[in-house]
mmCIF file of all heavy atoms, coordinates in Angstrom:
data_MODEL
# 
_entry.id   MODEL 
# 
loop_
_atom_site.group_PDB 
_atom_site.id 
_atom_site.type_symbol 
_atom_site.label_atom_id 
_atom_site.label_alt_id 
_atom_site.label_comp_id 
_atom_site.label_asym_id 
_atom_site.label_entity_id 
_atom_site.label_seq_id 
_atom_site.pdbx_PDB_ins_code 
_atom_site.Cartn_x 
_atom_site.Cartn_y 
_atom_site.Cartn_z 
_atom_site.occupancy 
_atom_site.B_iso_or_equiv 
_atom_site.pdbx_formal_charge 
_atom_site.auth_seq_id 
_atom_site.auth_comp_id 
_atom_site.auth_asym_id 
_atom_site.auth_atom_id 
_atom_site.pdbx_PDB_model_num 
ATOM 1   N N   . SER A 1 1  ? 85.529 29.431 92.757 1.00 0.00 ? 1  SER A N   1 
ATOM 2   C CA  . SER A 1 1  ? 85.135 29.121 91.384 1.00 0.00 ? 1  SER A CA  1 
ATOM 3   C C   . SER A 1 1  ? 83.618 29.021 91.261 1.00 0.00 ? 1  SER A C   1 
ATOM 4   O O   . SER A 1 1  ? 83.059 29.379 90.235 1.00 0.00 ? 1  SER A O   1 
ATOM 5   C CB  . SER A 1 1  ? 85.798 27.833 90.908 1.00 0.00 ? 1  SER A CB  1 
ATOM 6   O OG  . SER A 1 1  ? 85.308 26.719 91.614 1.00 0.00 ? 1  SER A OG  1 
ATOM 7   N N   . GLU A 1 2  ? 82.933 28.560 92.321 1.00 0.00 ? 2  GLU A N   1 
ATOM 8   C CA  . GLU A 1 2  ? 81.467 28.522 92.297 1.00 0.00 ? 2  GLU A CA  1 
ATOM 9   C C   . GLU A 1 2  ? 80.902 29.932 92.226 1.00 0.00 ? 2  GLU A C   1 
ATOM 10  O O   . GLU A 1 2  ? 79.956 30.196 91.488 1.00 0.00 ? 2  GLU A O   1 
ATOM 11  C CB  . GLU A 1 2  ? 80.932 27.813 93.540 1.00 0.00 ? 2  GLU A CB  1 
ATOM 12  C CG  . GLU A 1 2  ? 81.135 26.326 93.546 1.00 0.00 ? 2  GLU A CG  1 
ATOM 13  C CD  . GLU A 1 2  ? 80.715 25.691 94.856 1.00 0.00 ? 2  GLU A CD  1 
ATOM 14  O OE1 . GLU A 1 2  ? 80.044 26.348 95.667 1.00 0.00 ? 2  GLU A OE1 1 
ATOM 15  O OE2 . GLU A 1 2  ? 81.067 24.521 95.059 1.00 0.00 ? 2  GLU A OE2 1 
ATOM 16  N N   . LYS A 1 3  ? 81.495 30.839 92.978 1.00 0.00 ? 3  LYS A N   1 
ATOM 17  C CA  . LYS A 1 3  ? 81.030 32.221 92.963 1.00 0.00 ? 3  LYS A CA  1 
ATOM 18  C C   . LYS A 1 3  ? 81.285 32.843 91.595 1.00 0.00 ? 3  LYS A C   1 
ATOM 19  O O   . LYS A 1 3  ? 80.448 33.582 91.074 1.00 0.00 ? 3  LYS A O   1 
ATOM 20  C CB  . LYS A 1 3  ? 81.717 33.025 94.057 1.00 0.00 ? 3  LYS A CB  1 
ATOM 21  C CG  . LYS A 1 3  ? 81.143 34.396 94.230 1.00 0.00 ? 3  LYS A CG  1 
ATOM 22  C CD  . LYS A 1 3  ? 81.706 35.076 95.441 1.00 0.00 ? 3  LYS A CD  1 
ATOM 23  C CE  . LYS A 1 3  ? 81.060 36.433 95.629 1.00 0.00 ? 3  LYS A CE  1 
ATOM 24  N NZ  . LYS A 1 3  ? 81.547 37.120 96.796 1.00 0.00 ? 3  LYS A NZ  1 
ATOM 25  N N   . ASN A 1 4  ? 82.435 32.541 90.978 1.00 0.00 ? 4  ASN A N   1 
ATOM 26  C CA  . ASN A 1 4  ? 82.749 33.061 89.653 1.00 0.00 ? 4  ASN A CA  1 
ATOM 27  C C   . ASN A 1 4  ? 81.756 32.538 88.621 1.00 0.00 ? 4  ASN A C   1 
ATOM 28  O O   . ASN A 1 4  ? 81.329 33.270 87.738 1.00 0.00 ? 4  ASN A O   1 
ATOM 29  C CB  . ASN A 1 4  ? 84.181 32.692 89.272 1.00 0.00 ? 4  ASN A CB  1 
ATOM 30  C CG  . ASN A 1 4  ? 84.678 33.475 88.090 1.00 0.00 ? 4  ASN A CG  1 
ATOM 31  O OD1 . ASN A 1 4  ? 84.149 34.528 87.761 1.00 0.00 ? 4  ASN A OD1 1 
ATOM 32  N ND2 . ASN A 1 4  ? 85.695 32.955 87.437 1.00 0.00 ? 4  ASN A ND2 1 
ATOM 33  N N   . LYS A 1 5  ? 81.368 31.267 88.728 1.00 0.00 ? 5  LYS A N   1 
ATOM 34  C CA  . LYS A 1 5  ? 80.377 30.702 87.815 1.00 0.00 ? 5  LYS A CA  1 
ATOM 35  C C   . LYS A 1 5  ? 79.038 31.395 87.991 1.00 0.00 ? 5  LYS A C   1 
ATOM 36  O O   . LYS A 1 5  ? 78.329 31.659 87.020 1.00 0.00 ? 5  LYS A O   1 
ATOM 37  C CB  . LYS A 1 5  ? 80.225 29.203 88.057 1.00 0.00 ? 5  LYS A CB  1 
ATOM 38  C CG  . LYS A 1 5  ? 81.373 28.384 87.545 1.00 0.00 ? 5  LYS A CG  1 
ATOM 39  C CD  . LYS A 1 5  ? 81.161 26.912 87.832 1.00 0.00 ? 5  LYS A CD  1 
ATOM 40  C CE  . LYS A 1 5  ? 82.376 26.097 87.451 1.00 0.00 ? 5  LYS A CE  1 
ATOM 41  N NZ  . LYS A 1 5  ? 82.206 24.680 87.796 1.00 0.00 ? 5  LYS A NZ  1 
ATOM 42  N N   . SER A 1 6  ? 78.690 31.702 89.229 1.00 0.00 ? 6  SER A N   1 
ATOM 43  C CA  . SER A 1 6  ? 77.430 32.378 89.505 1.00 0.00 ? 6  SER A CA  1 
ATOM 44  C C   . SER A 1 6  ? 77.416 33.769 88.884 1.00 0.00 ? 6  SER A C   1 
ATOM 45  O O   . SER A 1 6  ? 76.425 34.174 88.265 1.00 0.00 ? 6  SER A O   1 
ATOM 46  C CB  . SER A 1 6  ? 77.212 32.473 91.018 1.00 0.00 ? 6  SER A CB  1 
ATOM 47  O OG  . SER A 1 6  ? 76.115 33.279 91.315 1.00 0.00 ? 6  SER A OG  1 
ATOM 48  N N   . ILE A 1 7  ? 78.499 34.496 89.016 1.00 0.00 ? 7  ILE A N   1 
ATOM 49  C CA  . ILE A 1 7  ? 78.578 35.839 88.443 1.00 0.00 ? 7  ILE A CA  1 
ATOM 50  C C   . ILE A 1 7  ? 78.563 35.763 86.921 1.00 0.00 ? 7  ILE A C   1 
ATOM 51  O O   . ILE A 1 7  ? 77.914 36.574 86.257 1.00 0.00 ? 7  ILE A O   1 
ATOM 52  C CB  . ILE A 1 7  ? 79.830 36.576 88.965 1.00 0.00 ? 7  ILE A CB  1 
ATOM 53  C CG1 . ILE A 1 7  ? 79.662 36.888 90.461 1.00 0.00 ? 7  ILE A CG1 1 
ATOM 54  C CG2 . ILE A 1 7  ? 80.078 37.852 88.194 1.00 0.00 ? 7  ILE A CG2 1 
ATOM 55  C CD1 . ILE A 1 7  ? 80.884 37.472 91.113 1.00 0.00 ? 7  ILE A CD1 1 
ATOM 56  N N   . LYS A 1 8  ? 79.243 34.767 86.361 1.00 0.00 ? 8  LYS A N   1 
ATOM 57  C CA  . LYS A 1 8  ? 79.248 34.600 84.905 1.00 0.00 ? 8  LYS A CA  1 
ATOM 58  C C   . LYS A 1 8  ? 77.845 34.278 84.397 1.00 0.00 ? 8  LYS A C   1 
ATOM 59  O O   . LYS A 1 8  ? 77.409 34.801 83.368 1.00 0.00 ? 8  LYS A O   1 
ATOM 60  C CB  . LYS A 1 8  ? 80.225 33.492 84.514 1.00 0.00 ? 8  LYS A CB  1 
ATOM 61  C CG  . LYS A 1 8  ? 80.440 33.359 83.039 1.00 0.00 ? 8  LYS A CG  1 
ATOM 62  C CD  . LYS A 1 8  ? 81.493 32.315 82.738 1.00 0.00 ? 8  LYS A CD  1 
ATOM 63  C CE  . LYS A 1 8  ? 81.745 32.173 81.264 1.00 0.00 ? 8  LYS A CE  1 
ATOM 64  N NZ  . LYS A 1 8  ? 82.762 31.169 80.974 1.00 0.00 ? 8  LYS A NZ  1 
ATOM 65  N N   . LEU A 1 9  ? 77.120 33.442 85.120 1.00 0.00 ? 9  LEU A N   1 
ATOM 66  C CA  . LEU A 1 9  ? 75.755 33.104 84.735 1.00 0.00 ? 9  LEU A CA  1 
ATOM 67  C C   . LEU A 1 9  ? 74.860 34.341 84.788 1.00 0.00 ? 9  LEU A C   1 
ATOM 68  O O   . LEU A 1 9  ? 74.025 34.559 83.901 1.00 0.00 ? 9  LEU A O   1 
ATOM 69  C CB  . LEU A 1 9  ? 75.212 32.010 85.654 1.00 0.00 ? 9  LEU A CB  1 
ATOM 70  C CG  . LEU A 1 9  ? 73.825 31.484 85.344 1.00 0.00 ? 9  LEU A CG  1 
ATOM 71  C CD1 . LEU A 1 9  ? 73.827 30.792 83.988 1.00 0.00 ? 9  LEU A CD1 1 
ATOM 72  C CD2 . LEU A 1 9  ? 73.374 30.520 86.419 1.00 0.00 ? 9  LEU A CD2 1 
ATOM 73  N N   . LYS A 1 10 ? 75.039 35.169 85.814 1.00 0.00 ? 10 LYS A N   1 
ATOM 74  C CA  . LYS A 1 10 ? 74.254 36.407 85.920 1.00 0.00 ? 10 LYS A CA  1 
ATOM 75  C C   . LYS A 1 10 ? 74.591 37.356 84.768 1.00 0.00 ? 10 LYS A C   1 
ATOM 76  O O   . LYS A 1 10 ? 73.699 38.044 84.262 1.00 0.00 ? 10 LYS A O   1 
ATOM 77  C CB  . LYS A 1 10 ? 74.520 37.086 87.261 1.00 0.00 ? 10 LYS A CB  1 
ATOM 78  C CG  . LYS A 1 10 ? 73.916 36.347 88.424 1.00 0.00 ? 10 LYS A CG  1 
ATOM 79  C CD  . LYS A 1 10 ? 74.274 37.011 89.731 1.00 0.00 ? 10 LYS A CD  1 
ATOM 80  C CE  . LYS A 1 10 ? 73.745 36.201 90.905 1.00 0.00 ? 10 LYS A CE  1 
ATOM 81  N NZ  . LYS A 1 10 ? 74.158 36.792 92.193 1.00 0.00 ? 10 LYS A NZ  1 
ATOM 82  N N   . LEU A 1 11 ? 75.855 37.402 84.360 1.00 0.00 ? 11 LEU A N   1 
ATOM 83  C CA  . LEU A 1 11 ? 76.250 38.240 83.227 1.00 0.00 ? 11 LEU A CA  1 
ATOM 84  C C   . LEU A 1 11 ? 75.561 37.766 81.950 1.00 0.00 ? 11 LEU A C   1 
ATOM 85  O O   . LEU A 1 11 ? 75.002 38.571 81.198 1.00 0.00 ? 11 LEU A O   1 
ATOM 86  C CB  . LEU A 1 11 ? 77.764 38.219 83.056 1.00 0.00 ? 11 LEU A CB  1 
ATOM 87  C CG  . LEU A 1 11 ? 78.313 38.891 81.799 1.00 0.00 ? 11 LEU A CG  1 
ATOM 88  C CD1 . LEU A 1 11 ? 77.997 40.376 81.801 1.00 0.00 ? 11 LEU A CD1 1 
ATOM 89  C CD2 . LEU A 1 11 ? 79.805 38.656 81.680 1.00 0.00 ? 11 LEU A CD2 1 
ATOM 90  N N   . ILE A 1 12 ? 75.578 36.472 81.708 1.00 0.00 ? 12 ILE A N   1 
ATOM 91  C CA  . ILE A 1 12 ? 74.932 35.925 80.508 1.00 0.00 ? 12 ILE A CA  1 
ATOM 92  C C   . ILE A 1 12 ? 73.433 36.208 80.535 1.00 0.00 ? 12 ILE A C   1 
ATOM 93  O O   . ILE A 1 12 ? 72.843 36.617 79.531 1.00 0.00 ? 12 ILE A O   1 
ATOM 94  C CB  . ILE A 1 12 ? 75.225 34.417 80.383 1.00 0.00 ? 12 ILE A CB  1 
ATOM 95  C CG1 . ILE A 1 12 ? 76.701 34.203 80.067 1.00 0.00 ? 12 ILE A CG1 1 
ATOM 96  C CG2 . ILE A 1 12 ? 74.352 33.773 79.310 1.00 0.00 ? 12 ILE A CG2 1 
ATOM 97  C CD1 . ILE A 1 12 ? 77.156 32.761 80.169 1.00 0.00 ? 12 ILE A CD1 1 
ATOM 98  N N   . PHE A 1 13 ? 72.810 36.008 81.700 1.00 0.00 ? 13 PHE A N   1 
ATOM 99  C CA  . PHE A 1 13 ? 71.376 36.278 81.826 1.00 0.00 ? 13 PHE A CA  1 
ATOM 100 C C   . PHE A 1 13 ? 71.084 37.747 81.545 1.00 0.00 ? 13 PHE A C   1 
ATOM 101 O O   . PHE A 1 13 ? 70.130 38.074 80.838 1.00 0.00 ? 13 PHE A O   1 
ATOM 102 C CB  . PHE A 1 13 ? 70.877 35.896 83.221 1.00 0.00 ? 13 PHE A CB  1 
ATOM 103 C CG  . PHE A 1 13 ? 69.451 36.261 83.453 1.00 0.00 ? 13 PHE A CG  1 
ATOM 104 C CD1 . PHE A 1 13 ? 68.432 35.504 82.914 1.00 0.00 ? 13 PHE A CD1 1 
ATOM 105 C CD2 . PHE A 1 13 ? 69.126 37.389 84.191 1.00 0.00 ? 13 PHE A CD2 1 
ATOM 106 C CE1 . PHE A 1 13 ? 67.108 35.851 83.115 1.00 0.00 ? 13 PHE A CE1 1 
ATOM 107 C CE2 . PHE A 1 13 ? 67.813 37.745 84.408 1.00 0.00 ? 13 PHE A CE2 1 
ATOM 108 C CZ  . PHE A 1 13 ? 66.800 36.972 83.862 1.00 0.00 ? 13 PHE A CZ  1 
ATOM 109 N N   . SER A 1 14 ? 71.897 38.650 82.090 1.00 0.00 ? 14 SER A N   1 
ATOM 110 C CA  . SER A 1 14 ? 71.645 40.077 81.881 1.00 0.00 ? 14 SER A CA  1 
ATOM 111 C C   . SER A 1 14 ? 71.785 40.449 80.413 1.00 0.00 ? 14 SER A C   1 
ATOM 112 O O   . SER A 1 14 ? 71.011 41.261 79.902 1.00 0.00 ? 14 SER A O   1 
ATOM 113 C CB  . SER A 1 14 ? 72.567 40.929 82.758 1.00 0.00 ? 14 SER A CB  1 
ATOM 114 O OG  . SER A 1 14 ? 73.898 40.843 82.320 1.00 0.00 ? 14 SER A OG  1 
ATOM 115 N N   . LEU A 1 15 ? 72.767 39.862 79.720 1.00 0.00 ? 15 LEU A N   1 
ATOM 116 C CA  . LEU A 1 15 ? 72.929 40.144 78.291 1.00 0.00 ? 15 LEU A CA  1 
ATOM 117 C C   . LEU A 1 15 ? 71.725 39.656 77.485 1.00 0.00 ? 15 LEU A C   1 
ATOM 118 O O   . LEU A 1 15 ? 71.204 40.382 76.624 1.00 0.00 ? 15 LEU A O   1 
ATOM 119 C CB  . LEU A 1 15 ? 74.211 39.504 77.764 1.00 0.00 ? 15 LEU A CB  1 
ATOM 120 C CG  . LEU A 1 15 ? 75.514 40.163 78.187 1.00 0.00 ? 15 LEU A CG  1 
ATOM 121 C CD1 . LEU A 1 15 ? 76.697 39.279 77.819 1.00 0.00 ? 15 LEU A CD1 1 
ATOM 122 C CD2 . LEU A 1 15 ? 75.644 41.534 77.561 1.00 0.00 ? 15 LEU A CD2 1 
ATOM 123 N N   . LEU A 1 16 ? 71.284 38.441 77.773 1.00 0.00 ? 16 LEU A N   1 
ATOM 124 C CA  . LEU A 1 16 ? 70.142 37.893 77.034 1.00 0.00 ? 16 LEU A CA  1 
ATOM 125 C C   . LEU A 1 16 ? 68.854 38.662 77.330 1.00 0.00 ? 16 LEU A C   1 
ATOM 126 O O   . LEU A 1 16 ? 68.098 39.006 76.416 1.00 0.00 ? 16 LEU A O   1 
ATOM 127 C CB  . LEU A 1 16 ? 69.960 36.414 77.363 1.00 0.00 ? 16 LEU A CB  1 
ATOM 128 C CG  . LEU A 1 16 ? 71.044 35.477 76.837 1.00 0.00 ? 16 LEU A CG  1 
ATOM 129 C CD1 . LEU A 1 16 ? 70.809 34.058 77.345 1.00 0.00 ? 16 LEU A CD1 1 
ATOM 130 C CD2 . LEU A 1 16 ? 71.080 35.502 75.327 1.00 0.00 ? 16 LEU A CD2 1 
ATOM 131 N N   . ALA A 1 17 ? 68.600 38.926 78.598 1.00 0.00 ? 17 ALA A N   1 
ATOM 132 C CA  . ALA A 1 17 ? 67.380 39.640 78.970 1.00 0.00 ? 17 ALA A CA  1 
ATOM 133 C C   . ALA A 1 17 ? 67.388 41.056 78.410 1.00 0.00 ? 17 ALA A C   1 
ATOM 134 O O   . ALA A 1 17 ? 66.368 41.538 77.897 1.00 0.00 ? 17 ALA A O   1 
ATOM 135 C CB  . ALA A 1 17 ? 67.231 39.666 80.488 1.00 0.00 ? 17 ALA A CB  1 
ATOM 136 N N   . CYS A 1 18 ? 68.516 41.709 78.475 1.00 0.00 ? 18 CYS A N   1 
ATOM 137 C CA  . CYS A 1 18 ? 68.629 43.068 77.939 1.00 0.00 ? 18 CYS A CA  1 
ATOM 138 C C   . CYS A 1 18 ? 68.397 43.049 76.426 1.00 0.00 ? 18 CYS A C   1 
ATOM 139 O O   . CYS A 1 18 ? 67.709 43.915 75.879 1.00 0.00 ? 18 CYS A O   1 
ATOM 140 C CB  . CYS A 1 18 ? 69.989 43.648 78.281 1.00 0.00 ? 18 CYS A CB  1 
ATOM 141 S SG  . CYS A 1 18 ? 70.144 45.402 77.959 1.00 0.00 ? 18 CYS A SG  1 
ATOM 142 N N   . GLY A 1 19 ? 68.961 42.070 75.743 1.00 0.00 ? 19 GLY A N   1 
ATOM 143 C CA  . GLY A 1 19 ? 68.751 41.942 74.308 1.00 0.00 ? 19 GLY A CA  1 
ATOM 144 C C   . GLY A 1 19 ? 67.282 41.733 73.953 1.00 0.00 ? 19 GLY A C   1 
ATOM 145 O O   . GLY A 1 19 ? 66.768 42.344 73.004 1.00 0.00 ? 19 GLY A O   1 
ATOM 146 N N   . LEU A 1 20 ? 66.595 40.909 74.723 1.00 0.00 ? 20 LEU A N   1 
ATOM 147 C CA  . LEU A 1 20 ? 65.170 40.679 74.468 1.00 0.00 ? 20 LEU A CA  1 
ATOM 148 C C   . LEU A 1 20 ? 64.335 41.935 74.717 1.00 0.00 ? 20 LEU A C   1 
ATOM 149 O O   . LEU A 1 20 ? 63.427 42.258 73.936 1.00 0.00 ? 20 LEU A O   1 
ATOM 150 C CB  . LEU A 1 20 ? 64.656 39.536 75.339 1.00 0.00 ? 20 LEU A CB  1 
ATOM 151 C CG  . LEU A 1 20 ? 65.103 38.140 74.920 1.00 0.00 ? 20 LEU A CG  1 
ATOM 152 C CD1 . LEU A 1 20 ? 64.667 37.112 75.958 1.00 0.00 ? 20 LEU A CD1 1 
ATOM 153 C CD2 . LEU A 1 20 ? 64.530 37.795 73.558 1.00 0.00 ? 20 LEU A CD2 1 
ATOM 154 N N   . ILE A 1 21 ? 64.638 42.650 75.784 1.00 0.00 ? 21 ILE A N   1 
ATOM 155 C CA  . ILE A 1 21 ? 63.890 43.871 76.080 1.00 0.00 ? 21 ILE A CA  1 
ATOM 156 C C   . ILE A 1 21 ? 64.140 44.934 75.013 1.00 0.00 ? 21 ILE A C   1 
ATOM 157 O O   . ILE A 1 21 ? 63.218 45.631 74.586 1.00 0.00 ? 21 ILE A O   1 
ATOM 158 C CB  . ILE A 1 21 ? 64.238 44.387 77.497 1.00 0.00 ? 21 ILE A CB  1 
ATOM 159 C CG1 . ILE A 1 21 ? 63.762 43.386 78.544 1.00 0.00 ? 21 ILE A CG1 1 
ATOM 160 C CG2 . ILE A 1 21 ? 63.616 45.750 77.750 1.00 0.00 ? 21 ILE A CG2 1 
ATOM 161 C CD1 . ILE A 1 21 ? 64.264 43.673 79.949 1.00 0.00 ? 21 ILE A CD1 1 
ATOM 162 N N   . ILE A 1 22 ? 65.386 45.038 74.563 1.00 0.00 ? 22 ILE A N   1 
ATOM 163 C CA  . ILE A 1 22 ? 65.703 45.994 73.498 1.00 0.00 ? 22 ILE A CA  1 
ATOM 164 C C   . ILE A 1 22 ? 64.966 45.611 72.210 1.00 0.00 ? 22 ILE A C   1 
ATOM 165 O O   . ILE A 1 22 ? 64.403 46.478 71.528 1.00 0.00 ? 22 ILE A O   1 
ATOM 166 C CB  . ILE A 1 22 ? 67.226 46.079 73.272 1.00 0.00 ? 22 ILE A CB  1 
ATOM 167 C CG1 . ILE A 1 22 ? 67.886 46.786 74.451 1.00 0.00 ? 22 ILE A CG1 1 
ATOM 168 C CG2 . ILE A 1 22 ? 67.554 46.781 71.954 1.00 0.00 ? 22 ILE A CG2 1 
ATOM 169 C CD1 . ILE A 1 22 ? 69.403 46.742 74.440 1.00 0.00 ? 22 ILE A CD1 1 
ATOM 170 N N   . ALA A 1 23 ? 64.950 44.330 71.894 1.00 0.00 ? 23 ALA A N   1 
ATOM 171 C CA  . ALA A 1 23 ? 64.227 43.883 70.693 1.00 0.00 ? 23 ALA A CA  1 
ATOM 172 C C   . ALA A 1 23 ? 62.740 44.197 70.803 1.00 0.00 ? 23 ALA A C   1 
ATOM 173 O O   . ALA A 1 23 ? 62.118 44.634 69.823 1.00 0.00 ? 23 ALA A O   1 
ATOM 174 C CB  . ALA A 1 23 ? 64.446 42.384 70.487 1.00 0.00 ? 23 ALA A CB  1 
ATOM 175 N N   . LEU A 1 24 ? 62.183 44.028 71.977 1.00 0.00 ? 24 LEU A N   1 
ATOM 176 C CA  . LEU A 1 24 ? 60.772 44.350 72.188 1.00 0.00 ? 24 LEU A CA  1 
ATOM 177 C C   . LEU A 1 24 ? 60.531 45.850 72.005 1.00 0.00 ? 24 LEU A C   1 
ATOM 178 O O   . LEU A 1 24 ? 59.554 46.248 71.363 1.00 0.00 ? 24 LEU A O   1 
ATOM 179 C CB  . LEU A 1 24 ? 60.335 43.904 73.585 1.00 0.00 ? 24 LEU A CB  1 
ATOM 180 C CG  . LEU A 1 24 ? 58.890 44.215 73.962 1.00 0.00 ? 24 LEU A CG  1 
ATOM 181 C CD1 . LEU A 1 24 ? 57.934 43.413 73.087 1.00 0.00 ? 24 LEU A CD1 1 
ATOM 182 C CD2 . LEU A 1 24 ? 58.651 43.927 75.423 1.00 0.00 ? 24 LEU A CD2 1 
ATOM 183 N N   . CYS A 1 25 ? 61.417 46.672 72.562 1.00 0.00 ? 25 CYS A N   1 
ATOM 184 C CA  . CYS A 1 25 ? 61.273 48.128 72.404 1.00 0.00 ? 25 CYS A CA  1 
ATOM 185 C C   . CYS A 1 25 ? 61.359 48.530 70.929 1.00 0.00 ? 25 CYS A C   1 
ATOM 186 O O   . CYS A 1 25 ? 60.579 49.370 70.458 1.00 0.00 ? 25 CYS A O   1 
ATOM 187 C CB  . CYS A 1 25 ? 62.337 48.857 73.214 1.00 0.00 ? 25 CYS A CB  1 
ATOM 188 S SG  . CYS A 1 25 ? 62.079 48.824 74.988 1.00 0.00 ? 25 CYS A SG  1 
ATOM 189 N N   . VAL A 1 26 ? 62.295 47.956 70.202 1.00 0.00 ? 26 VAL A N   1 
ATOM 190 C CA  . VAL A 1 26 ? 62.442 48.270 68.768 1.00 0.00 ? 26 VAL A CA  1 
ATOM 191 C C   . VAL A 1 26 ? 61.184 47.845 68.011 1.00 0.00 ? 26 VAL A C   1 
ATOM 192 O O   . VAL A 1 26 ? 60.650 48.606 67.184 1.00 0.00 ? 26 VAL A O   1 
ATOM 193 C CB  . VAL A 1 26 ? 63.700 47.590 68.181 1.00 0.00 ? 26 VAL A CB  1 
ATOM 194 C CG1 . VAL A 1 26 ? 63.726 47.694 66.657 1.00 0.00 ? 26 VAL A CG1 1 
ATOM 195 C CG2 . VAL A 1 26 ? 64.962 48.188 68.781 1.00 0.00 ? 26 VAL A CG2 1 
ATOM 196 N N   . PHE A 1 27 ? 60.672 46.651 68.303 1.00 0.00 ? 27 PHE A N   1 
ATOM 197 C CA  . PHE A 1 27 ? 59.461 46.170 67.631 1.00 0.00 ? 27 PHE A CA  1 
ATOM 198 C C   . PHE A 1 27 ? 58.273 47.090 67.907 1.00 0.00 ? 27 PHE A C   1 
ATOM 199 O O   . PHE A 1 27 ? 57.556 47.481 66.981 1.00 0.00 ? 27 PHE A O   1 
ATOM 200 C CB  . PHE A 1 27 ? 59.134 44.746 68.082 1.00 0.00 ? 27 PHE A CB  1 
ATOM 201 C CG  . PHE A 1 27 ? 57.807 44.267 67.596 1.00 0.00 ? 27 PHE A CG  1 
ATOM 202 C CD1 . PHE A 1 27 ? 57.621 43.907 66.269 1.00 0.00 ? 27 PHE A CD1 1 
ATOM 203 C CD2 . PHE A 1 27 ? 56.713 44.212 68.457 1.00 0.00 ? 27 PHE A CD2 1 
ATOM 204 C CE1 . PHE A 1 27 ? 56.388 43.486 65.806 1.00 0.00 ? 27 PHE A CE1 1 
ATOM 205 C CE2 . PHE A 1 27 ? 55.483 43.789 68.008 1.00 0.00 ? 27 PHE A CE2 1 
ATOM 206 C CZ  . PHE A 1 27 ? 55.312 43.427 66.678 1.00 0.00 ? 27 PHE A CZ  1 
ATOM 207 N N   . ILE A 1 28 ? 58.079 47.435 69.189 1.00 0.00 ? 28 ILE A N   1 
ATOM 208 C CA  . ILE A 1 28 ? 56.939 48.302 69.539 1.00 0.00 ? 28 ILE A CA  1 
ATOM 209 C C   . ILE A 1 28 ? 57.088 49.660 68.868 1.00 0.00 ? 28 ILE A C   1 
ATOM 210 O O   . ILE A 1 28 ? 56.119 50.217 68.341 1.00 0.00 ? 28 ILE A O   1 
ATOM 211 C CB  . ILE A 1 28 ? 56.826 48.444 71.074 1.00 0.00 ? 28 ILE A CB  1 
ATOM 212 C CG1 . ILE A 1 28 ? 56.378 47.118 71.689 1.00 0.00 ? 28 ILE A CG1 1 
ATOM 213 C CG2 . ILE A 1 28 ? 55.855 49.552 71.457 1.00 0.00 ? 28 ILE A CG2 1 
ATOM 214 C CD1 . ILE A 1 28 ? 56.422 47.090 73.199 1.00 0.00 ? 28 ILE A CD1 1 
# 
């Protein structure tokens, strides 16, 4: 369950970071 939480946290981070980078690309 600790490993599953770690993977879930990485998924959330990747979604947020990807969203921010996409927003930056659209703005530029």
